[in-house]
C-alpha atoms as a PDB file:
ATOM      1  CA  MET A   1      49.679 195.381 380.529  1.00  0.00           C
ATOM      2  CA  THR A   2      53.329 194.593 379.844  1.00  0.00           C
ATOM      3  CA  THR A   3      54.590 193.169 376.571  1.00  0.00           C
ATOM      4  CA  ILE A   4      55.432 189.847 378.264  1.00  0.00           C
ATOM      5  CA  THR A   5      51.963 189.642 379.791  1.00  0.00           C
ATOM      6  CA  LYS A   6      50.379 190.383 376.421  1.00  0.00           C
ATOM      7  CA  THR A   7      52.485 187.637 374.791  1.00  0.00           C
ATOM      8  CA  PHE A   8      51.420 185.055 377.376  1.00  0.00           C
ATOM      9  CA  ALA A   9      47.804 186.117 377.041  1.00  0.00           C
ATOM     10  CA  HIS A  10      47.966 185.801 373.265  1.00  0.00           C
ATOM     11  CA  ALA A  11      49.609 182.380 373.549  1.00  0.00           C
ATOM     12  CA  ALA A  12      46.927 181.267 375.992  1.00  0.00           C
ATOM     13  CA  VAL A  13      44.199 182.327 373.588  1.00  0.00           C
ATOM     14  CA  LEU A  14      45.855 180.431 370.738  1.00  0.00           C
ATOM     15  CA  LEU A  15      46.260 177.346 372.925  1.00  0.00           C
ATOM     16  CA  LEU A  16      42.602 177.429 373.938  1.00  0.00           C
ATOM     17  CA  ALA A  17      41.590 177.831 370.306  1.00  0.00           C
ATOM     18  CA  LEU A  18      43.763 174.862 369.321  1.00  0.00           C
ATOM     19  CA  VAL A  19      42.318 172.689 372.093  1.00  0.00           C
ATOM     20  CA  ALA A  20      38.805 173.671 371.068  1.00  0.00           C
ATOM     21  CA  THR A  21      39.526 172.853 367.423  1.00  0.00           C
ATOM     22  CA  LEU A  22      41.021 169.462 368.257  1.00  0.00           C
ATOM     23  CA  THR A  23      38.135 168.693 370.583  1.00  0.00           C
ATOM     24  CA  LEU A  24      35.628 169.663 367.904  1.00  0.00           C
ATOM     25  CA  CYS A  25      37.421 167.482 365.341  1.00  0.00           C
ATOM     26  CA  GLY A  26      37.402 164.596 367.772  1.00  0.00           C
ATOM     27  CA  VAL A  27      33.705 165.046 368.440  1.00  0.00           C
ATOM     28  CA  LYS A  28      32.976 165.225 364.703  1.00  0.00           C
ATOM     29  CA  GLU A  29      35.055 162.082 364.025  1.00  0.00           C
ATOM     30  CA  ALA A  30      33.360 160.209 366.858  1.00  0.00           C
ATOM     31  CA  ALA A  31      29.968 161.376 365.655  1.00  0.00           C
ATOM     32  CA  ALA A  32      30.773 160.283 362.110  1.00  0.00           C
ATOM     33  CA  GLN A  33      31.794 156.833 363.322  1.00  0.00           C
ATOM     34  CA  GLU A  34      28.775 156.549 365.607  1.00  0.00           C
ATOM     35  CA  ALA A  35      26.521 157.485 362.699  1.00  0.00           C
ATOM     36  CA  TYR A  36      27.920 154.708 360.490  1.00  0.00           C
ATOM     37  CA  PRO A  37      26.271 153.602 358.356  1.00  0.00           C
ATOM     38  CA  SER A  38      24.196 156.527 357.162  1.00  0.00           C
ATOM     39  CA  HIS A  39      23.580 155.435 353.564  1.00  0.00           C
ATOM     40  CA  LEU A  40      23.839 152.542 351.103  1.00  0.00           C
ATOM     41  CA  ILE A  41      26.735 150.057 351.376  1.00  0.00           C
ATOM     42  CA  LYS A  42      28.125 148.402 348.246  1.00  0.00           C
ATOM     43  CA  LEU A  43      29.352 144.785 348.399  1.00  0.00           C
ATOM     44  CA  VAL A  44      31.420 144.027 345.298  1.00  0.00           C
ATOM     45  CA  VAL A  45      31.513 140.513 343.828  1.00  0.00           C
ATOM     46  CA  PRO A  46      34.491 140.321 341.420  1.00  0.00           C
ATOM     47  CA  TYR A  47      32.841 137.532 339.384  1.00  0.00           C
ATOM     48  CA  PRO A  48      29.694 137.153 337.237  1.00  0.00           C
ATOM     49  CA  PRO A  49      26.297 136.432 338.853  1.00  0.00           C
ATOM     50  CA  GLY A  50      25.433 132.846 339.713  1.00  0.00           C
ATOM     51  CA  GLY A  51      28.657 131.583 341.289  1.00  0.00           C
ATOM     52  CA  ALA A  52      29.411 130.765 344.925  1.00  0.00           C
ATOM     53  CA  ASN A  53      30.817 134.228 345.682  1.00  0.00           C
ATOM     54  CA  ASP A  54      27.696 135.846 344.259  1.00  0.00           C
ATOM     55  CA  SER A  55      25.168 133.676 346.092  1.00  0.00           C
ATOM     56  CA  LEU A  56      26.975 133.996 349.433  1.00  0.00           C
ATOM     57  CA  ALA A  57      27.293 137.765 349.023  1.00  0.00           C
ATOM     58  CA  ARG A  58      23.573 138.134 348.314  1.00  0.00           C
ATOM     59  CA  ALA A  59      22.587 136.026 351.308  1.00  0.00           C
ATOM     60  CA  LEU A  60      24.871 138.064 353.577  1.00  0.00           C
ATOM     61  CA  ALA A  61      23.772 141.414 352.123  1.00  0.00           C
ATOM     62  CA  GLN A  62      20.127 140.663 352.772  1.00  0.00           C
ATOM     63  CA  LYS A  63      20.903 139.719 356.379  1.00  0.00           C
ATOM     64  CA  ILE A  64      23.170 142.602 357.417  1.00  0.00           C
ATOM     65  CA  ALA A  65      21.027 145.209 355.670  1.00  0.00           C
ATOM     66  CA  VAL A  66      18.450 144.561 358.375  1.00  0.00           C
ATOM     67  CA  SER A  67      20.873 144.834 361.303  1.00  0.00           C
ATOM     68  CA  LEU A  68      22.719 147.857 359.856  1.00  0.00           C
ATOM     69  CA  LYS A  69      19.414 149.527 358.943  1.00  0.00           C
ATOM     70  CA  GLN A  70      20.808 150.509 355.536  1.00  0.00           C
ATOM     71  CA  PRO A  71      20.516 148.880 352.096  1.00  0.00           C
ATOM     72  CA  VAL A  72      23.443 146.674 351.023  1.00  0.00           C
ATOM     73  CA  LEU A  73      23.794 146.525 347.245  1.00  0.00           C
ATOM     74  CA  VAL A  74      25.590 143.571 345.659  1.00  0.00           C
ATOM     75  CA  GLU A  75      27.502 144.738 342.591  1.00  0.00           C
ATOM     76  CA  ASN A  76      29.045 142.220 340.169  1.00  0.00           C
ATOM     77  CA  ARG A  77      32.247 143.621 338.664  1.00  0.00           C
ATOM     78  CA  ALA A  78      33.682 140.684 336.731  1.00  0.00           C
ATOM     79  CA  GLY A  79      36.782 140.598 334.551  1.00  0.00           C
ATOM     80  CA  ALA A  80      40.344 139.276 334.418  1.00  0.00           C
ATOM     81  CA  GLY A  81      39.623 136.425 336.795  1.00  0.00           C
ATOM     82  CA  GLY A  82      38.409 138.711 339.566  1.00  0.00           C
ATOM     83  CA  MET A  83      41.146 141.319 339.199  1.00  0.00           C
ATOM     84  CA  VAL A  84      38.870 144.095 337.884  1.00  0.00           C
ATOM     85  CA  GLY A  85      36.430 144.099 340.788  1.00  0.00           C
ATOM     86  CA  THR A  86      39.131 143.540 343.376  1.00  0.00           C
ATOM     87  CA  SER A  87      41.222 146.426 342.020  1.00  0.00           C
ATOM     88  CA  SER A  88      38.211 148.733 342.157  1.00  0.00           C
ATOM     89  CA  VAL A  89      37.757 148.058 345.873  1.00  0.00           C
ATOM     90  CA  ALA A  90      41.475 148.477 346.570  1.00  0.00           C
ATOM     91  CA  LYS A  91      41.161 152.010 345.161  1.00  0.00           C
ATOM     92  CA  ALA A  92      37.835 152.837 346.806  1.00  0.00           C
ATOM     93  CA  ASN A  93      37.337 155.375 349.573  1.00  0.00           C
ATOM     94  CA  PRO A  94      38.079 153.587 352.900  1.00  0.00           C
ATOM     95  CA  ASP A  95      34.903 154.755 354.596  1.00  0.00           C
ATOM     96  CA  GLY A  96      33.128 151.439 355.127  1.00  0.00           C
ATOM     97  CA  TYR A  97      30.706 151.922 352.247  1.00  0.00           C
ATOM     98  CA  THR A  98      32.557 149.683 349.775  1.00  0.00           C
ATOM     99  CA  LEU A  99      33.234 146.047 350.690  1.00  0.00           C
ATOM    100  CA  LEU A 100      34.540 143.032 348.781  1.00  0.00           C
ATOM    101  CA  ILE A 101      33.856 139.310 349.001  1.00  0.00           C
ATOM    102  CA  ILE A 102      36.942 137.226 348.255  1.00  0.00           C
ATOM    103  CA  ASN A 103      37.932 133.606 347.918  1.00  0.00           C
ATOM    104  CA  THR A 104      41.146 133.629 349.944  1.00  0.00           C
ATOM    105  CA  LEU A 105      43.062 131.210 347.689  1.00  0.00           C
ATOM    106  CA  PRO A 106      42.921 133.145 344.388  1.00  0.00           C
ATOM    107  CA  HIS A 107      43.071 136.429 346.293  1.00  0.00           C
ATOM    108  CA  ALA A 108      46.264 135.412 348.097  1.00  0.00           C
ATOM    109  CA  ALA A 109      47.813 133.970 344.933  1.00  0.00           C
ATOM    110  CA  SER A 110      47.165 137.058 342.796  1.00  0.00           C
ATOM    111  CA  GLY A 111      50.216 138.958 344.033  1.00  0.00           C
ATOM    112  CA  SER A 112      52.569 136.216 342.786  1.00  0.00           C
ATOM    113  CA  LEU A 113      50.865 135.362 339.494  1.00  0.00           C
ATOM    114  CA  TYR A 114      51.592 138.752 337.936  1.00  0.00           C
ATOM    115  CA  GLN A 115      54.894 140.600 337.632  1.00  0.00           C
ATOM    116  CA  LYS A 116      53.071 143.880 338.272  1.00  0.00           C
ATOM    117  CA  PRO A 117      49.814 143.028 340.060  1.00  0.00           C
ATOM    118  CA  PRO A 118      47.252 145.865 340.176  1.00  0.00           C
ATOM    119  CA  PHE A 119      46.864 145.475 343.948  1.00  0.00           C
ATOM    120  CA  ASP A 120      48.591 143.976 346.980  1.00  0.00           C
ATOM    121  CA  PRO A 121      46.385 141.241 348.528  1.00  0.00           C
ATOM    122  CA  ILE A 122      47.563 142.203 352.023  1.00  0.00           C
ATOM    123  CA  ALA A 123      48.548 145.885 352.063  1.00  0.00           C
ATOM    124  CA  ASP A 124      45.584 147.185 350.048  1.00  0.00           C
ATOM    125  CA  PHE A 125      42.816 145.639 352.170  1.00  0.00           C
ATOM    126  CA  ALA A 126      41.453 145.687 355.705  1.00  0.00           C
ATOM    127  CA  PRO A 127      40.314 142.183 356.756  1.00  0.00           C
ATOM    128  CA  VAL A 128      36.825 142.117 358.265  1.00  0.00           C
ATOM    129  CA  SER A 129      35.713 138.494 358.749  1.00  0.00           C
ATOM    130  CA  LEU A 130      35.624 135.017 357.306  1.00  0.00           C
ATOM    131  CA  LEU A 131      32.244 134.085 355.883  1.00  0.00           C
ATOM    132  CA  ALA A 132      32.308 130.409 354.897  1.00  0.00           C
ATOM    133  CA  SER A 133      34.601 127.611 353.786  1.00  0.00           C
ATOM    134  CA  THR A 134      34.469 124.531 351.601  1.00  0.00           C
ATOM    135  CA  PRO A 135      37.018 121.819 350.769  1.00  0.00           C
ATOM    136  CA  TYR A 136      38.212 120.762 347.344  1.00  0.00           C
ATOM    137  CA  VAL A 137      37.771 117.185 346.150  1.00  0.00           C
ATOM    138  CA  PHE A 138      40.077 115.053 344.036  1.00  0.00           C
ATOM    139  CA  ALA A 139      37.677 113.530 341.503  1.00  0.00           C
ATOM    140  CA  VAL A 140      37.812 111.126 338.570  1.00  0.00           C
ATOM    141  CA  ASN A 141      35.291 109.860 336.036  1.00  0.00           C
ATOM    142  CA  ALA A 142      32.774 107.416 337.508  1.00  0.00           C
ATOM    143  CA  ASP A 143      34.038 104.714 335.109  1.00  0.00           C
ATOM    144  CA  SER A 144      37.710 105.370 335.886  1.00  0.00           C
ATOM    145  CA  LYS A 145      39.854 102.389 336.796  1.00  0.00           C
ATOM    146  CA  TYR A 146      41.114 104.371 339.801  1.00  0.00           C
ATOM    147  CA  THR A 147      38.894 103.597 342.773  1.00  0.00           C
ATOM    148  CA  THR A 148      41.186 105.087 345.413  1.00  0.00           C
ATOM    149  CA  LEU A 149      43.679 107.938 345.519  1.00  0.00           C
ATOM    150  CA  GLN A 150      46.399 105.396 346.297  1.00  0.00           C
ATOM    151  CA  ASP A 151      45.629 103.644 342.989  1.00  0.00           C
ATOM    152  CA  PHE A 152      45.985 106.921 341.103  1.00  0.00           C
ATOM    153  CA  ILE A 153      49.250 107.868 342.834  1.00  0.00           C
ATOM    154  CA  GLU A 154      50.818 104.439 342.327  1.00  0.00           C
ATOM    155  CA  TYR A 155      50.002 104.445 338.616  1.00  0.00           C
ATOM    156  CA  ALA A 156      51.293 108.002 338.214  1.00  0.00           C
ATOM    157  CA  LYS A 157      54.582 107.056 339.857  1.00  0.00           C
ATOM    158  CA  ARG A 158      55.000 104.024 337.588  1.00  0.00           C
ATOM    159  CA  HIS A 159      54.084 106.041 334.476  1.00  0.00           C
ATOM    160  CA  PRO A 160      55.265 109.645 335.015  1.00  0.00           C
ATOM    161  CA  GLY A 161      53.829 112.221 332.634  1.00  0.00           C
ATOM    162  CA  THR A 162      51.160 109.935 331.165  1.00  0.00           C
ATOM    163  CA  LEU A 163      48.195 111.012 333.305  1.00  0.00           C
ATOM    164  CA  ASN A 164      46.634 114.455 333.148  1.00  0.00           C
ATOM    165  CA  TYR A 165      44.229 116.691 335.013  1.00  0.00           C
ATOM    166  CA  ALA A 166      41.772 119.447 334.111  1.00  0.00           C
ATOM    167  CA  SER A 167      41.521 122.846 335.749  1.00  0.00           C
ATOM    168  CA  GLY A 168      39.305 125.888 335.315  1.00  0.00           C
ATOM    169  CA  GLY A 169      42.261 127.889 334.045  1.00  0.00           C
ATOM    170  CA  GLN A 170      45.940 128.724 334.448  1.00  0.00           C
ATOM    171  CA  GLY A 171      46.665 130.049 337.932  1.00  0.00           C
ATOM    172  CA  GLY A 172      43.177 129.297 339.246  1.00  0.00           C
ATOM    173  CA  ALA A 173      42.321 127.559 342.504  1.00  0.00           C
ATOM    174  CA  THR A 174      41.941 124.093 340.927  1.00  0.00           C
ATOM    175  CA  HIS A 175      45.282 124.457 339.125  1.00  0.00           C
ATOM    176  CA  LEU A 176      47.205 125.583 342.198  1.00  0.00           C
ATOM    177  CA  THR A 177      45.618 122.988 344.482  1.00  0.00           C
ATOM    178  CA  MET A 178      46.582 120.183 342.124  1.00  0.00           C
ATOM    179  CA  GLU A 179      50.130 121.514 341.749  1.00  0.00           C
ATOM    180  CA  LEU A 180      50.480 121.530 345.543  1.00  0.00           C
ATOM    181  CA  PHE A 181      49.139 117.972 345.593  1.00  0.00           C
ATOM    182  CA  LYS A 182      51.596 116.865 342.887  1.00  0.00           C
ATOM    183  CA  SER A 183      54.487 118.103 345.009  1.00  0.00           C
ATOM    184  CA  ALA A 184      53.132 116.464 348.164  1.00  0.00           C
ATOM    185  CA  ALA A 185      52.503 113.126 346.389  1.00  0.00           C
ATOM    186  CA  HIS A 186      55.746 113.289 344.344  1.00  0.00           C
ATOM    187  CA  ILE A 187      54.007 112.578 341.051  1.00  0.00           C
ATOM    188  CA  ASP A 188      54.174 114.058 337.542  1.00  0.00           C
ATOM    189  CA  ILE A 189      50.847 114.560 335.759  1.00  0.00           C
ATOM    190  CA  THR A 190      50.085 116.999 332.946  1.00  0.00           C
ATOM    191  CA  HIS A 191      47.990 120.134 333.399  1.00  0.00           C
ATOM    192  CA  ILE A 192      45.215 120.810 330.880  1.00  0.00           C
ATOM    193  CA  PRO A 193      43.720 124.264 331.515  1.00  0.00           C
ATOM    194  CA  TYR A 194      40.192 125.121 330.396  1.00  0.00           C
ATOM    195  CA  LYS A 195      38.353 128.417 330.138  1.00  0.00           C
ATOM    196  CA  GLY A 196      36.278 127.847 333.256  1.00  0.00           C
ATOM    197  CA  GLY A 197      35.311 125.006 335.540  1.00  0.00           C
ATOM    198  CA  ALA A 198      32.236 123.898 333.561  1.00  0.00           C
ATOM    199  CA  PRO A 199      34.063 122.783 330.377  1.00  0.00           C
ATOM    200  CA  ALA A 200      36.754 121.125 332.517  1.00  0.00           C
ATOM    201  CA  LEU A 201      34.129 119.034 334.310  1.00  0.00           C
ATOM    202  CA  THR A 202      32.357 118.262 331.029  1.00  0.00           C
ATOM    203  CA  ASP A 203      35.514 116.676 329.616  1.00  0.00           C
ATOM    204  CA  LEU A 204      36.160 114.838 332.889  1.00  0.00           C
ATOM    205  CA  MET A 205      32.664 113.335 332.727  1.00  0.00           C
ATOM    206  CA  ALA A 206      33.324 112.380 329.095  1.00  0.00           C
ATOM    207  CA  GLY A 207      36.558 110.628 330.030  1.00  0.00           C
ATOM    208  CA  GLN A 208      38.730 113.048 328.033  1.00  0.00           C
ATOM    209  CA  VAL A 209      40.888 113.864 331.083  1.00  0.00           C
ATOM    210  CA  ASP A 210      41.899 111.756 334.059  1.00  0.00           C
ATOM    211  CA  ALA A 211      41.192 113.891 337.148  1.00  0.00           C
ATOM    212  CA  THR A 212      40.515 117.281 338.669  1.00  0.00           C
ATOM    213  CA  PHE A 213      40.682 118.995 342.058  1.00  0.00           C
ATOM    214  CA  GLU A 214      37.513 121.099 342.255  1.00  0.00           C
ATOM    215  CA  ASN A 215      35.503 122.605 345.115  1.00  0.00           C
ATOM    216  CA  ILE A 216      32.851 120.387 346.625  1.00  0.00           C
ATOM    217  CA  VAL A 217      30.026 122.809 345.725  1.00  0.00           C
ATOM    218  CA  ALA A 218      30.558 122.224 342.002  1.00  0.00           C
ATOM    219  CA  LEU A 219      31.121 118.475 342.364  1.00  0.00           C
ATOM    220  CA  LEU A 220      28.399 117.287 344.748  1.00  0.00           C
ATOM    221  CA  PRO A 221      25.617 117.132 342.125  1.00  0.00           C
ATOM    222  CA  LEU A 222      27.909 115.134 339.821  1.00  0.00           C
ATOM    223  CA  PHE A 223      28.770 112.678 342.597  1.00  0.00           C
ATOM    224  CA  LYS A 224      25.095 112.242 343.454  1.00  0.00           C
ATOM    225  CA  SER A 225      24.185 111.638 339.795  1.00  0.00           C
ATOM    226  CA  GLY A 226      26.932 109.047 339.459  1.00  0.00           C
ATOM    227  CA  LYS A 227      28.888 110.930 336.793  1.00  0.00           C
ATOM    228  CA  LEU A 228      32.042 111.455 338.850  1.00  0.00           C
ATOM    229  CA  ARG A 229      33.768 109.637 341.711  1.00  0.00           C
ATOM    230  CA  PRO A 230      35.376 111.348 344.727  1.00  0.00           C
ATOM    231  CA  LEU A 231      38.748 109.977 345.807  1.00  0.00           C
ATOM    232  CA  ALA A 232      39.922 112.398 348.509  1.00  0.00           C
ATOM    233  CA  ILE A 233      39.160 115.632 350.375  1.00  0.00           C
ATOM    234  CA  SER A 234      41.650 118.518 350.520  1.00  0.00           C
ATOM    235  CA  SER A 235      40.911 119.530 354.127  1.00  0.00           C
ATOM    236  CA  THR A 236      42.493 117.809 357.120  1.00  0.00           C
ATOM    237  CA  LYS A 237      39.020 117.006 358.475  1.00  0.00           C
ATOM    238  CA  PRO A 238      36.586 114.760 356.576  1.00  0.00           C
ATOM    239  CA  SER A 239      33.573 116.441 355.028  1.00  0.00           C
ATOM    240  CA  LYS A 240      30.115 115.725 356.455  1.00  0.00           C
ATOM    241  CA  ARG A 241      28.854 115.904 352.861  1.00  0.00           C
ATOM    242  CA  LEU A 242      31.204 113.080 351.797  1.00  0.00           C
ATOM    243  CA  PRO A 243      31.781 111.240 355.089  1.00  0.00           C
ATOM    244  CA  SER A 244      33.213 108.089 353.501  1.00  0.00           C
ATOM    245  CA  THR A 245      35.780 109.968 351.391  1.00  0.00           C
ATOM    246  CA  PRO A 246      39.250 110.069 353.025  1.00  0.00           C
ATOM    247  CA  THR A 247      41.398 113.172 353.337  1.00  0.00           C
ATOM    248  CA  VAL A 248      44.534 113.681 351.275  1.00  0.00           C
ATOM    249  CA  SER A 249      46.509 114.239 354.474  1.00  0.00           C
ATOM    250  CA  SER A 250      45.498 110.831 355.866  1.00  0.00           C
ATOM    251  CA  ILE A 251      46.651 109.127 352.661  1.00  0.00           C
ATOM    252  CA  LEU A 252      49.914 111.038 352.178  1.00  0.00           C
ATOM    253  CA  LYS A 253      50.645 111.201 355.942  1.00  0.00           C
ATOM    254  CA  THR A 254      51.348 114.903 355.620  1.00  0.00           C
ATOM    255  CA  ASN A 255      49.651 118.168 356.598  1.00  0.00           C
ATOM    256  CA  PHE A 256      47.869 118.780 353.307  1.00  0.00           C
ATOM    257  CA  ASP A 257      45.170 121.308 354.113  1.00  0.00           C
ATOM    258  CA  VAL A 258      43.482 123.398 351.408  1.00  0.00           C
ATOM    259  CA  LEU A 259      40.138 125.119 351.831  1.00  0.00           C
ATOM    260  CA  GLY A 260      38.151 127.452 349.663  1.00  0.00           C
ATOM    261  CA  ARG A 261      37.552 130.215 352.201  1.00  0.00           C
ATOM    262  CA  PHE A 262      35.182 133.077 351.501  1.00  0.00           C
ATOM    263  CA  ALA A 263      35.723 136.328 353.389  1.00  0.00           C
ATOM    264  CA  ILE A 264      34.788 139.996 353.540  1.00  0.00           C
ATOM    265  CA  VAL A 265      37.427 142.733 353.288  1.00  0.00           C
ATOM    266  CA  ALA A 266      37.373 146.522 352.990  1.00  0.00           C
ATOM    267  CA  PRO A 267      39.845 148.991 351.487  1.00  0.00           C
ATOM    268  CA  ALA A 268      42.990 149.532 353.554  1.00  0.00           C
ATOM    269  CA  GLY A 269      42.647 152.501 355.871  1.00  0.00           C
ATOM    270  CA  THR A 270      39.035 151.827 356.804  1.00  0.00           C
ATOM    271  CA  PRO A 271      38.643 153.129 360.392  1.00  0.00           C
ATOM    272  CA  PRO A 272      39.022 150.370 363.012  1.00  0.00           C
ATOM    273  CA  ALA A 273      35.704 151.333 364.622  1.00  0.00           C
ATOM    274  CA  ILE A 274      33.907 150.718 361.324  1.00  0.00           C
ATOM    275  CA  VAL A 275      35.740 147.421 360.745  1.00  0.00           C
ATOM    276  CA  LYS A 276      34.738 146.344 364.245  1.00  0.00           C
ATOM    277  CA  ARG A 277      31.088 147.256 363.607  1.00  0.00           C
ATOM    278  CA  LEU A 278      31.043 145.341 360.332  1.00  0.00           C
ATOM    279  CA  ASN A 279      32.747 142.362 361.946  1.00  0.00           C
ATOM    280  CA  THR A 280      30.169 142.286 364.733  1.00  0.00           C
ATOM    281  CA  GLU A 281      27.278 142.315 362.260  1.00  0.00           C
ATOM    282  CA  ILE A 282      28.823 139.701 359.943  1.00  0.00           C
ATOM    283  CA  VAL A 283      29.711 137.319 362.774  1.00  0.00           C
ATOM    284  CA  ALA A 284      26.170 137.577 364.119  1.00  0.00           C
ATOM    285  CA  ALA A 285      24.755 136.970 360.637  1.00  0.00           C
ATOM    286  CA  VAL A 286      26.953 133.926 359.996  1.00  0.00           C
ATOM    287  CA  LYS A 287      25.851 132.400 363.307  1.00  0.00           C
ATOM    288  CA  SER A 288      22.147 132.986 362.640  1.00  0.00           C
ATOM    289  CA  PRO A 289      20.031 129.852 361.966  1.00  0.00           C
ATOM    290  CA  ASP A 290      18.633 131.131 358.667  1.00  0.00           C
ATOM    291  CA  LEU A 291      22.047 131.941 357.187  1.00  0.00           C
ATOM    292  CA  ILE A 292      23.479 128.642 358.450  1.00  0.00           C
ATOM    293  CA  ASN A 293      20.634 126.896 356.631  1.00  0.00           C
ATOM    294  CA  THR A 294      21.137 128.958 353.458  1.00  0.00           C
ATOM    295  CA  PHE A 295      24.885 128.303 353.367  1.00  0.00           C
ATOM    296  CA  SER A 296      24.400 124.602 354.049  1.00  0.00           C
ATOM    297  CA  LYS A 297      22.042 124.315 351.063  1.00  0.00           C
ATOM    298  CA  GLN A 298      24.758 125.911 348.929  1.00  0.00           C
ATOM    299  CA  GLY A 299      27.293 123.315 350.097  1.00  0.00           C
ATOM    300  CA  VAL A 300      29.493 125.555 352.235  1.00  0.00           C
ATOM    301  CA  ASP A 301      30.163 125.661 355.966  1.00  0.00           C
ATOM    302  CA  PRO A 302      29.567 128.968 357.793  1.00  0.00           C
ATOM    303  CA  GLU A 303      32.784 130.248 359.372  1.00  0.00           C
ATOM    304  CA  SER A 304      33.422 133.638 360.960  1.00  0.00           C
ATOM    305  CA  SER A 305      36.541 135.193 362.488  1.00  0.00           C
ATOM    306  CA  THR A 306      38.048 138.305 363.985  1.00  0.00           C
ATOM    307  CA  PRO A 307      39.800 140.726 361.606  1.00  0.00           C
ATOM    308  CA  GLU A 308      43.114 139.629 363.122  1.00  0.00           C
ATOM    309  CA  GLU A 309      42.399 135.946 362.497  1.00  0.00           C
ATOM    310  CA  LEU A 310      41.504 136.652 358.873  1.00  0.00           C
ATOM    311  CA  ALA A 311      44.682 138.720 358.479  1.00  0.00           C
ATOM    312  CA  ALA A 312      46.766 135.768 359.726  1.00  0.00           C
ATOM    313  CA  ILE A 313      45.014 133.371 357.298  1.00  0.00           C
ATOM    314  CA  LEU A 314      45.659 135.686 354.351  1.00  0.00           C
ATOM    315  CA  LYS A 315      49.343 136.106 355.231  1.00  0.00           C
ATOM    316  CA  SER A 316      49.739 132.339 355.557  1.00  0.00           C
ATOM    317  CA  GLU A 317      48.051 131.697 352.210  1.00  0.00           C
ATOM    318  CA  VAL A 318      50.096 134.384 350.445  1.00  0.00           C
ATOM    319  CA  ALA A 319      53.284 132.616 351.591  1.00  0.00           C
ATOM    320  CA  LEU A 320      51.986 129.138 350.682  1.00  0.00           C
ATOM    321  CA  TRP A 321      50.818 129.967 347.171  1.00  0.00           C
ATOM    322  CA  ALA A 322      53.795 132.196 346.420  1.00  0.00           C
ATOM    323  CA  LYS A 323      56.019 129.163 346.969  1.00  0.00           C
ATOM    324  CA  VAL A 324      53.884 126.931 344.745  1.00  0.00           C
ATOM    325  CA  ILE A 325      53.728 129.560 342.000  1.00  0.00           C
ATOM    326  CA  ASN A 326      57.441 130.330 342.101  1.00  0.00           C
ATOM    327  CA  ASP A 327      58.491 126.656 342.324  1.00  0.00           C
ATOM    328  CA  LYS A 328      56.317 125.744 339.339  1.00  0.00           C
ATOM    329  CA  GLY A 329      57.049 128.921 337.346  1.00  0.00           C
ATOM    330  CA  ILE A 330      53.370 129.820 336.950  1.00  0.00           C
ATOM    331  CA  ARG A 331      52.673 133.296 335.533  1.00  0.00           C
ATOM    332  CA  LEU A 332      49.672 135.011 333.988  1.00  0.00           C
ATOM    333  CA  ASP A 333      51.541 137.830 332.221  1.00  0.00           C
END
């Protein structure tokens, strides 16, 4: 055998070995994806037990554990307004076994509230699906002299800086929603931040503050008991839970549309096949009669999406809240 022939033969052997290796890797990767999931999945809630994120996560976990044929453990990792748990998922192995439930508003705003945020709300996560949504409600004390949102706005314009509003904390969803409303309504009212939504609502019921913009889940019991009065809904569509309450957009004649959207995301880099599988299971769960009933009892509307649709929503909200935060000079560090 000549030297040239030997060289070609050796090259052919190497090429065959390379093809075999690549084929084997491809088979192993496909097998790994087909086998997903093979063990427990962790769904992180970045807030304490008992809130909306927690209850929705537990309802979803119970449902998809059956369809995925693997246990789904809900883990509460609270701290720093959701930053601790969210950061932990951003750094987790992108293998589909660590997921995160988010509220899109605070999640999208986080990148602008800190000079050096511990994660990027877009780049560090793989969107999976929307889960549910709920509007915010502009509310006043039941004995307030303001019976309509127009009354409140007109008084605020005549007496700038004299009215105030309560929020659950600096940079939170209620704070940012009201600041967006202030800009849209061209009014000046003073922000009074509290350490959580509960004390803010307590002072509103006591007449110590003039208004708030809180999610409907927290407010419905207080409307039903006659302790607070709803003046307007933050979504462009009226709420079936408060059908006689007008929307902010209909009053201001502008496209004011704010929703508290809950969604599921995974660490960036999670294989598309796994994201697709999770999306399929979550969408099916959200459309199931029992989960629709569970969510409805909690005051939220089931809402699913494709990963691409969720990605577009997050990008839009990042841009919206970055403008509000930068225009108002809001910072948390």
